[in-house]
């Protein structure tokens, strides 16, 4: 994996269903790919009750 920055920001999505959230992420990937000319994969994490994160 190539990471271009040493910092990151967490984007909060509106409360939506899982399928709507996936659609938002896929749309963002498509727009970013169009801007950069490269394939983009965004990774989403959610906080569990135990405080762990998972993809």
Protein backbone atom coordinates (compact mmCIF):
# COMPACT_ATOMS: atom_id res chain seq x y z
CA UNK A 1 0.00 0.00 0.00
CA UNK A 2 1.25 3.46 -0.85
CA UNK A 3 0.25 6.18 1.60
CA UNK A 4 0.74 9.72 0.34
CA UNK A 5 0.30 11.55 3.65
CA UNK A 6 1.23 11.15 7.29
CA UNK A 7 -2.15 12.41 8.45
CA UNK A 8 -5.74 11.55 7.69
CA UNK A 9 -9.21 12.85 8.36
CA UNK A 10 -12.32 10.92 9.26
CA UNK A 11 -15.37 11.81 7.20
CA UNK A 12 -18.66 11.38 9.01
CA UNK A 13 -21.48 10.16 6.79
CA UNK A 14 -25.11 10.97 7.43
CA UNK A 15 -27.12 8.23 9.12
CA UNK A 16 -28.00 5.97 6.20
CA UNK A 17 -28.51 2.31 5.52
CA UNK A 18 -25.48 0.15 4.79
CA UNK A 19 -26.33 -0.04 1.08
CA UNK A 20 -26.66 3.77 0.88
CA UNK A 21 -23.31 4.16 2.62
CA UNK A 22 -21.66 1.76 0.16
CA UNK A 23 -23.17 3.74 -2.73
CA UNK A 24 -21.77 7.01 -1.31
CA UNK A 25 -18.29 5.47 -1.00
CA UNK A 26 -18.43 3.99 -4.52
CA UNK A 27 -19.52 7.34 -5.96
CA UNK A 28 -16.62 9.08 -4.19
CA UNK A 29 -14.18 6.46 -5.53
CA UNK A 30 -15.47 7.01 -9.06
CA UNK A 31 -15.20 10.81 -8.83
CA UNK A 32 -11.68 10.65 -7.36
CA UNK A 33 -10.60 8.16 -10.03
CA UNK A 34 -11.89 10.55 -12.70
CA UNK A 35 -9.92 13.44 -11.18
CA UNK A 36 -6.68 11.53 -10.72
CA UNK A 37 -6.79 9.16 -13.68
CA UNK A 38 -5.96 6.31 -11.29
CA UNK A 39 -8.02 3.63 -9.59
CA UNK A 40 -8.98 4.72 -6.06
CA UNK A 41 -10.13 2.48 -3.23
CA UNK A 42 -11.57 4.08 -0.12
CA UNK A 43 -11.68 2.06 3.08
CA UNK A 44 -14.49 2.56 5.57
CA UNK A 45 -14.25 1.71 9.24
CA UNK A 46 -16.88 1.66 11.91
CA UNK A 47 -16.41 1.78 15.65
CA UNK A 48 -17.65 -1.28 17.50
CA UNK A 49 -18.99 -1.29 21.04
CA UNK A 50 -15.65 -2.63 22.26
CA UNK A 51 -13.87 0.35 20.72
CA UNK A 52 -12.17 -1.70 17.97
CA UNK A 53 -12.41 -0.71 14.32
CA UNK A 54 -13.17 -3.02 11.44
CA UNK A 55 -13.52 -2.63 7.68
